[in-house]
Amino acid sequence: MIMYDYTMKQKKVDMLSRSELIRMAADDIKLCNLCSARLDAACPVPGKGNCEARVVILGRNPGAQENKLIEPFVGPAGKKLDEFLNIIELSRQDVYITNLVKCYTKNNREPQYDEIKTCRFLLDLEISIIRPSLIIGLGEEACDSMVYCSSSSSRQKFFIVENKDIEIEYLFTPTRHPSAALRNGRFNNEFLDDARWIKSFLNEANNNIPHHDLLTNILT
């Protein structure tokens, strides 16, 4: 088991394929019962997607549909997320989708600080394997936990994140959560506008317009 390896280094990724490591991580995540969030969940929900992805999509925690199917973003919010990805000209097969907290919380309550803190090493484990260039944070909790920013006031900005524990640097950009976009017309417009903004930067990076090296790496 690799569940408690907080500092997975690149050499370990080289020893096994990323797909093997992600499968092992998913098995470990499903066994986790370290915090109170597990009490309401049928099973912790690991991330899913392309283990070679340059882009990771990060939500808050699974909802009722995700808790039932043990897969991230499969309910109405998932359909809205697909719309967001379509604007960027990416699909679920191109990205890796996961959550800050892996367990459903009853009545979709916000995860508590200790639950987020306890679950963070599982997210770091996934990131250490995927090694993305860009993480797109969905909603306040994901954004605040990762870079202490707001999904509203910090929209359309890139933050450079250096995680020394797992020896990785990546870009982070915040946006609204797709659930919020479904409930509020203004949030929906902002959510989709953010997708267009991200796409414009990816196009520029792909056309070798100078930006941070990590941005250039996303589509190359």
C-alpha atoms as a PDB file:
ATOM      1  CA  MET A   1       0.000   0.000   0.000  1.00  0.00           C
ATOM      2  CA  ILE A   2       1.120   3.565  -0.732  1.00  0.00           C
ATOM      3  CA  MET A   3      -1.507   5.397   1.272  1.00  0.00           C
ATOM      4  CA  TYR A   4       0.791   6.835   3.924  1.00  0.00           C
ATOM      5  CA  ASP A   5       3.672   7.818   1.658  1.00  0.00           C
ATOM      6  CA  TYR A   6       3.425  11.612   1.944  1.00  0.00           C
ATOM      7  CA  THR A   7       6.503  12.270  -0.171  1.00  0.00           C
ATOM      8  CA  MET A   8       6.186  10.218  -3.326  1.00  0.00           C
ATOM      9  CA  LYS A   9       9.055  11.315  -5.535  1.00  0.00           C
ATOM     10  CA  GLN A  10       9.404  11.223  -9.306  1.00  0.00           C
ATOM     11  CA  LYS A  11      11.682   8.174  -9.168  1.00  0.00           C
ATOM     12  CA  LYS A  12       8.807   6.141  -7.706  1.00  0.00           C
ATOM     13  CA  VAL A  13       6.580   7.221 -10.580  1.00  0.00           C
ATOM     14  CA  ASP A  14       9.295   5.998 -12.927  1.00  0.00           C
ATOM     15  CA  MET A  15       9.405   2.576 -11.264  1.00  0.00           C
ATOM     16  CA  LEU A  16       5.718   1.868 -11.902  1.00  0.00           C
ATOM     17  CA  SER A  17       3.403   3.204 -14.579  1.00  0.00           C
ATOM     18  CA  ARG A  18       1.214   6.142 -13.603  1.00  0.00           C
ATOM     19  CA  SER A  19      -1.862   4.038 -14.309  1.00  0.00           C
ATOM     20  CA  GLU A  20      -0.663   1.425 -11.825  1.00  0.00           C
ATOM     21  CA  LEU A  21       0.074   4.072  -9.209  1.00  0.00           C
ATOM     22  CA  ILE A  22      -3.295   5.765  -9.663  1.00  0.00           C
ATOM     23  CA  ARG A  23      -5.049   2.420  -9.365  1.00  0.00           C
ATOM     24  CA  MET A  24      -3.156   1.710  -6.138  1.00  0.00           C
ATOM     25  CA  ALA A  25      -3.977   5.186  -4.830  1.00  0.00           C
ATOM     26  CA  ALA A  26      -7.667   4.706  -5.671  1.00  0.00           C
ATOM     27  CA  ASP A  27      -7.698   1.422  -3.750  1.00  0.00           C
ATOM     28  CA  ASP A  28      -6.147   3.151  -0.737  1.00  0.00           C
ATOM     29  CA  ILE A  29      -8.537   6.096  -0.914  1.00  0.00           C
ATOM     30  CA  LYS A  30     -11.527   3.738  -0.838  1.00  0.00           C
ATOM     31  CA  LEU A  31     -10.203   2.230   2.396  1.00  0.00           C
ATOM     32  CA  CYS A  32      -9.757   5.551   4.192  1.00  0.00           C
ATOM     33  CA  ASN A  33     -11.748   6.097   7.399  1.00  0.00           C
ATOM     34  CA  LEU A  34      -9.578   8.701   9.098  1.00  0.00           C
ATOM     35  CA  CYS A  35     -12.126  11.499   9.559  1.00  0.00           C
ATOM     36  CA  SER A  36     -15.769  12.117  10.428  1.00  0.00           C
ATOM     37  CA  ALA A  37     -16.772  12.669   6.795  1.00  0.00           C
ATOM     38  CA  ARG A  38     -16.522   8.921   6.271  1.00  0.00           C
ATOM     39  CA  LEU A  39     -19.560   8.365   8.530  1.00  0.00           C
ATOM     40  CA  ASP A  40     -21.999   9.662   5.907  1.00  0.00           C
ATOM     41  CA  ALA A  41     -20.327   8.199   2.834  1.00  0.00           C
ATOM     42  CA  ALA A  42     -20.999   4.891   1.143  1.00  0.00           C
ATOM     43  CA  CYS A  43     -17.348   4.902   0.116  1.00  0.00           C
ATOM     44  CA  PRO A  44     -14.640   7.534  -0.383  1.00  0.00           C
ATOM     45  CA  VAL A  45     -14.554   8.640  -4.023  1.00  0.00           C
ATOM     46  CA  PRO A  46     -11.127   8.690  -5.695  1.00  0.00           C
ATOM     47  CA  GLY A  47     -10.364  10.842  -8.687  1.00  0.00           C
ATOM     48  CA  LYS A  48     -10.850   9.619 -12.224  1.00  0.00           C
ATOM     49  CA  GLY A  49      -9.434  10.481 -15.604  1.00  0.00           C
ATOM     50  CA  ASN A  50      -6.258  10.598 -17.605  1.00  0.00           C
ATOM     51  CA  CYS A  51      -3.280   9.646 -15.468  1.00  0.00           C
ATOM     52  CA  GLU A  52      -1.027  11.540 -17.909  1.00  0.00           C
ATOM     53  CA  ALA A  53      -3.187  14.677 -17.741  1.00  0.00           C
ATOM     54  CA  ARG A  54      -1.609  18.127 -17.805  1.00  0.00           C
ATOM     55  CA  VAL A  55      -4.818  19.551 -16.283  1.00  0.00           C
ATOM     56  CA  VAL A  56      -6.480  18.514 -13.005  1.00  0.00           C
ATOM     57  CA  ILE A  57     -10.022  19.610 -12.118  1.00  0.00           C
ATOM     58  CA  LEU A  58     -10.491  20.002  -8.360  1.00  0.00           C
ATOM     59  CA  GLY A  59     -13.894  20.154  -6.688  1.00  0.00           C
ATOM     60  CA  ARG A  60     -14.956  20.271  -3.027  1.00  0.00           C
ATOM     61  CA  ASN A  61     -16.340  16.816  -2.203  1.00  0.00           C
ATOM     62  CA  PRO A  62     -18.712  14.271  -3.754  1.00  0.00           C
ATOM     63  CA  GLY A  63     -22.452  14.849  -3.860  1.00  0.00           C
ATOM     64  CA  ALA A  64     -25.267  12.329  -3.551  1.00  0.00           C
ATOM     65  CA  GLN A  65     -24.921  10.946  -7.091  1.00  0.00           C
ATOM     66  CA  GLU A  66     -21.170  10.665  -6.735  1.00  0.00           C
ATOM     67  CA  ASN A  67     -21.637   8.870  -3.413  1.00  0.00           C
ATOM     68  CA  LYS A  68     -23.937   6.393  -5.121  1.00  0.00           C
ATOM     69  CA  LEU A  69     -21.789   5.721  -8.193  1.00  0.00           C
ATOM     70  CA  ILE A  70     -18.355   6.208  -6.520  1.00  0.00           C
ATOM     71  CA  GLU A  71     -17.205   8.531  -9.299  1.00  0.00           C
ATOM     72  CA  PRO A  72     -16.563  12.300  -9.278  1.00  0.00           C
ATOM     73  CA  PHE A  73     -18.889  14.766 -11.004  1.00  0.00           C
ATOM     74  CA  VAL A  74     -21.518  12.429 -12.424  1.00  0.00           C
ATOM     75  CA  GLY A  75     -24.633  14.403 -11.400  1.00  0.00           C
ATOM     76  CA  PRO A  76     -26.028  17.685 -12.762  1.00  0.00           C
ATOM     77  CA  ALA A  77     -22.825  19.517 -11.767  1.00  0.00           C
ATOM     78  CA  GLY A  78     -20.907  17.009 -13.852  1.00  0.00           C
ATOM     79  CA  LYS A  79     -22.920  17.917 -16.938  1.00  0.00           C
ATOM     80  CA  LYS A  80     -22.174  21.586 -16.332  1.00  0.00           C
ATOM     81  CA  LEU A  81     -18.493  20.710 -15.913  1.00  0.00           C
ATOM     82  CA  ASP A  82     -18.608  18.923 -19.286  1.00  0.00           C
ATOM     83  CA  GLU A  83     -19.893  22.164 -20.820  1.00  0.00           C
ATOM     84  CA  PHE A  84     -16.982  24.036 -19.224  1.00  0.00           C
ATOM     85  CA  LEU A  85     -14.468  21.513 -20.576  1.00  0.00           C
ATOM     86  CA  ASN A  86     -16.036  21.604 -24.023  1.00  0.00           C
ATOM     87  CA  ILE A  87     -15.383  25.348 -24.224  1.00  0.00           C
ATOM     88  CA  ILE A  88     -11.723  24.729 -23.346  1.00  0.00           C
ATOM     89  CA  GLU A  89     -11.746  21.981 -26.014  1.00  0.00           C
ATOM     90  CA  LEU A  90     -10.904  19.311 -23.490  1.00  0.00           C
ATOM     91  CA  SER A  91     -12.831  16.186 -22.554  1.00  0.00           C
ATOM     92  CA  ARG A  92     -12.914  14.000 -19.458  1.00  0.00           C
ATOM     93  CA  GLN A  93     -10.435  11.746 -21.258  1.00  0.00           C
ATOM     94  CA  ASP A  94      -7.955  14.647 -21.360  1.00  0.00           C
ATOM     95  CA  VAL A  95      -8.094  15.674 -17.686  1.00  0.00           C
ATOM     96  CA  TYR A  96      -8.033  14.161 -14.205  1.00  0.00           C
ATOM     97  CA  ILE A  97     -11.029  15.032 -12.007  1.00  0.00           C
ATOM     98  CA  THR A  98     -10.909  14.779  -8.232  1.00  0.00           C
ATOM     99  CA  ASN A  99     -12.063  16.426  -5.005  1.00  0.00           C
ATOM    100  CA  LEU A 100     -10.493  18.149  -2.034  1.00  0.00           C
ATOM    101  CA  VAL A 101     -12.373  15.815   0.357  1.00  0.00           C
ATOM    102  CA  LYS A 102     -13.085  12.315  -0.896  1.00  0.00           C
ATOM    103  CA  CYS A 103     -16.289  11.614   1.070  1.00  0.00           C
ATOM    104  CA  TYR A 104     -19.880  12.696   0.664  1.00  0.00           C
ATOM    105  CA  THR A 105     -21.192  14.770   3.579  1.00  0.00           C
ATOM    106  CA  LYS A 106     -24.811  14.483   4.641  1.00  0.00           C
ATOM    107  CA  ASN A 107     -27.098  17.090   3.065  1.00  0.00           C
ATOM    108  CA  ASN A 108     -24.037  18.366   1.184  1.00  0.00           C
ATOM    109  CA  ARG A 109     -22.794  20.232   4.233  1.00  0.00           C
ATOM    110  CA  GLU A 110     -19.479  22.015   3.871  1.00  0.00           C
ATOM    111  CA  PRO A 111     -16.541  19.840   4.943  1.00  0.00           C
ATOM    112  CA  GLN A 112     -15.054  20.861   8.274  1.00  0.00           C
ATOM    113  CA  TYR A 113     -11.516  22.172   8.569  1.00  0.00           C
ATOM    114  CA  ASP A 114     -10.226  18.990  10.209  1.00  0.00           C
ATOM    115  CA  GLU A 115     -11.798  16.875   7.459  1.00  0.00           C
ATOM    116  CA  ILE A 116     -10.097  18.962   4.772  1.00  0.00           C
ATOM    117  CA  LYS A 117      -6.790  18.828   6.628  1.00  0.00           C
ATOM    118  CA  THR A 118      -6.994  15.065   7.174  1.00  0.00           C
ATOM    119  CA  CYS A 119      -7.887  14.388   3.553  1.00  0.00           C
ATOM    120  CA  ARG A 120      -5.237  16.652   2.037  1.00  0.00           C
ATOM    121  CA  PHE A 121      -2.546  13.982   1.894  1.00  0.00           C
ATOM    122  CA  LEU A 122      -4.785  11.869  -0.354  1.00  0.00           C
ATOM    123  CA  LEU A 123      -5.078  14.768  -2.779  1.00  0.00           C
ATOM    124  CA  ASP A 124      -1.313  15.297  -2.607  1.00  0.00           C
ATOM    125  CA  LEU A 125      -0.866  11.622  -3.378  1.00  0.00           C
ATOM    126  CA  GLU A 126      -2.937  11.972  -6.564  1.00  0.00           C
ATOM    127  CA  ILE A 127      -1.125  15.167  -7.584  1.00  0.00           C
ATOM    128  CA  SER A 128       2.271  13.567  -6.973  1.00  0.00           C
ATOM    129  CA  ILE A 129       1.373  10.810  -9.435  1.00  0.00           C
ATOM    130  CA  ILE A 130      -0.373  12.905 -12.100  1.00  0.00           C
ATOM    131  CA  ARG A 131       2.121  15.804 -11.854  1.00  0.00           C
ATOM    132  CA  PRO A 132      -0.112  18.327 -13.668  1.00  0.00           C
ATOM    133  CA  SER A 133       0.912  21.711 -15.029  1.00  0.00           C
ATOM    134  CA  LEU A 134      -2.457  23.301 -14.196  1.00  0.00           C
ATOM    135  CA  ILE A 135      -5.094  22.731 -11.516  1.00  0.00           C
ATOM    136  CA  ILE A 136      -8.488  24.372 -11.999  1.00  0.00           C
ATOM    137  CA  GLY A 137     -10.180  24.891  -8.631  1.00  0.00           C
ATOM    138  CA  LEU A 138     -13.972  24.758  -8.506  1.00  0.00           C
ATOM    139  CA  GLY A 139     -15.583  26.753  -5.706  1.00  0.00           C
ATOM    140  CA  GLU A 140     -14.530  28.520  -2.547  1.00  0.00           C
ATOM    141  CA  GLU A 141     -13.322  25.572  -0.469  1.00  0.00           C
ATOM    142  CA  ALA A 142     -11.047  24.136  -3.145  1.00  0.00           C
ATOM    143  CA  CYS A 143      -9.572  27.545  -3.939  1.00  0.00           C
ATOM    144  CA  ASP A 144      -9.120  28.671  -0.354  1.00  0.00           C
ATOM    145  CA  SER A 145      -7.524  25.393   0.669  1.00  0.00           C
ATOM    146  CA  MET A 146      -5.053  25.319  -2.216  1.00  0.00           C
ATOM    147  CA  VAL A 147      -3.916  28.946  -2.520  1.00  0.00           C
ATOM    148  CA  TYR A 148      -5.951  30.963   0.019  1.00  0.00           C
ATOM    149  CA  CYS A 149      -7.874  32.683  -2.750  1.00  0.00           C
ATOM    150  CA  SER A 150     -11.536  33.218  -3.577  1.00  0.00           C
ATOM    151  CA  SER A 151     -13.349  31.630  -6.505  1.00  0.00           C
ATOM    152  CA  SER A 152     -15.116  34.965  -7.039  1.00  0.00           C
ATOM    153  CA  SER A 153     -12.645  37.787  -6.389  1.00  0.00           C
ATOM    154  CA  SER A 154      -9.621  35.881  -7.746  1.00  0.00           C
ATOM    155  CA  ARG A 155     -11.182  34.739 -11.020  1.00  0.00           C
ATOM    156  CA  GLN A 156      -9.109  34.817 -14.213  1.00  0.00           C
ATOM    157  CA  LYS A 157      -5.766  34.736 -12.463  1.00  0.00           C
ATOM    158  CA  PHE A 158      -2.994  32.153 -12.393  1.00  0.00           C
ATOM    159  CA  PHE A 159      -1.192  31.353  -9.144  1.00  0.00           C
ATOM    160  CA  ILE A 160       2.145  29.544  -9.095  1.00  0.00           C
ATOM    161  CA  VAL A 161       2.041  26.841  -6.407  1.00  0.00           C
ATOM    162  CA  GLU A 162       5.137  25.095  -5.139  1.00  0.00           C
ATOM    163  CA  ASN A 163       4.382  22.023  -3.050  1.00  0.00           C
ATOM    164  CA  LYS A 164       7.699  21.122  -1.456  1.00  0.00           C
ATOM    165  CA  ASP A 165       6.285  18.038   0.266  1.00  0.00           C
ATOM    166  CA  ILE A 166       5.788  16.271  -3.058  1.00  0.00           C
ATOM    167  CA  GLU A 167       8.378  18.268  -5.022  1.00  0.00           C
ATOM    168  CA  ILE A 168       6.088  19.722  -7.664  1.00  0.00           C
ATOM    169  CA  GLU A 169       5.237  23.155  -9.031  1.00  0.00           C
ATOM    170  CA  TYR A 170       2.018  23.871 -10.886  1.00  0.00           C
ATOM    171  CA  LEU A 171      -0.311  26.685 -11.880  1.00  0.00           C
ATOM    172  CA  PHE A 172      -3.649  27.095 -10.121  1.00  0.00           C
ATOM    173  CA  THR A 173      -6.635  29.080 -11.352  1.00  0.00           C
ATOM    174  CA  PRO A 174      -9.965  29.481  -9.515  1.00  0.00           C
ATOM    175  CA  THR A 175     -13.495  29.532 -10.877  1.00  0.00           C
ATOM    176  CA  ARG A 176     -17.053  29.010  -9.681  1.00  0.00           C
ATOM    177  CA  HIS A 177     -18.257  25.567  -8.746  1.00  0.00           C
ATOM    178  CA  PRO A 178     -20.556  24.123 -11.438  1.00  0.00           C
ATOM    179  CA  SER A 179     -23.255  23.576  -8.782  1.00  0.00           C
ATOM    180  CA  ALA A 180     -23.203  27.321  -8.081  1.00  0.00           C
ATOM    181  CA  ALA A 181     -23.404  27.957 -11.827  1.00  0.00           C
ATOM    182  CA  LEU A 182     -26.551  25.827 -12.000  1.00  0.00           C
ATOM    183  CA  ARG A 183     -28.218  27.817  -9.203  1.00  0.00           C
ATOM    184  CA  ASN A 184     -27.290  31.352 -10.210  1.00  0.00           C
ATOM    185  CA  GLY A 185     -27.369  32.915 -13.666  1.00  0.00           C
ATOM    186  CA  ARG A 186     -24.571  35.391 -12.961  1.00  0.00           C
ATOM    187  CA  PHE A 187     -22.360  32.637 -11.575  1.00  0.00           C
ATOM    188  CA  ASN A 188     -23.105  30.554 -14.663  1.00  0.00           C
ATOM    189  CA  ASN A 189     -22.005  33.394 -16.933  1.00  0.00           C
ATOM    190  CA  GLU A 190     -18.816  33.830 -14.906  1.00  0.00           C
ATOM    191  CA  PHE A 191     -18.137  30.086 -14.931  1.00  0.00           C
ATOM    192  CA  LEU A 192     -18.405  29.827 -18.707  1.00  0.00           C
ATOM    193  CA  ASP A 193     -16.528  33.087 -19.227  1.00  0.00           C
ATOM    194  CA  ASP A 194     -13.671  31.684 -17.130  1.00  0.00           C
ATOM    195  CA  ALA A 195     -13.571  28.668 -19.453  1.00  0.00           C
ATOM    196  CA  ARG A 196     -13.186  30.970 -22.447  1.00  0.00           C
ATOM    197  CA  TRP A 197     -10.449  32.899 -20.616  1.00  0.00           C
ATOM    198  CA  ILE A 198      -8.549  29.687 -19.806  1.00  0.00           C
ATOM    199  CA  LYS A 199      -8.890  28.551 -23.420  1.00  0.00           C
ATOM    200  CA  SER A 200      -7.430  31.828 -24.691  1.00  0.00           C
ATOM    201  CA  PHE A 201      -4.361  31.362 -22.508  1.00  0.00           C
ATOM    202  CA  LEU A 202      -3.951  27.754 -23.570  1.00  0.00           C
ATOM    203  CA  ASN A 203      -4.116  28.864 -27.205  1.00  0.00           C
ATOM    204  CA  GLU A 204      -1.452  31.488 -26.579  1.00  0.00           C
ATOM    205  CA  ALA A 205       0.749  28.955 -24.817  1.00  0.00           C
ATOM    206  CA  ASN A 206       0.311  26.532 -27.695  1.00  0.00           C
ATOM    207  CA  ASN A 207       1.321  29.275 -30.125  1.00  0.00           C
ATOM    208  CA  ASN A 208       4.512  29.930 -28.149  1.00  0.00           C
ATOM    209  CA  ILE A 209       3.498  33.364 -26.905  1.00  0.00           C
ATOM    210  CA  PRO A 210       5.744  33.880 -23.857  1.00  0.00           C
ATOM    211  CA  HIS A 211       4.176  32.908 -20.536  1.00  0.00           C
ATOM    212  CA  HIS A 212       5.320  30.983 -17.512  1.00  0.00           C
ATOM    213  CA  ASP A 213       6.961  27.695 -18.540  1.00  0.00           C
ATOM    214  CA  LEU A 214       4.257  25.674 -16.792  1.00  0.00           C
ATOM    215  CA  LEU A 215       1.555  27.263 -18.927  1.00  0.00           C
ATOM    216  CA  THR A 216       3.522  26.477 -22.065  1.00  0.00           C
ATOM    217  CA  ASN A 217       3.751  22.832 -20.936  1.00  0.00           C
ATOM    218  CA  ILE A 218      -0.002  22.286 -20.675  1.00  0.00           C
ATOM    219  CA  LEU A 219      -0.732  21.590 -24.333  1.00  0.00           C
ATOM    220  CA  THR A 220       2.740  20.658 -25.588  1.00  0.00           C
END
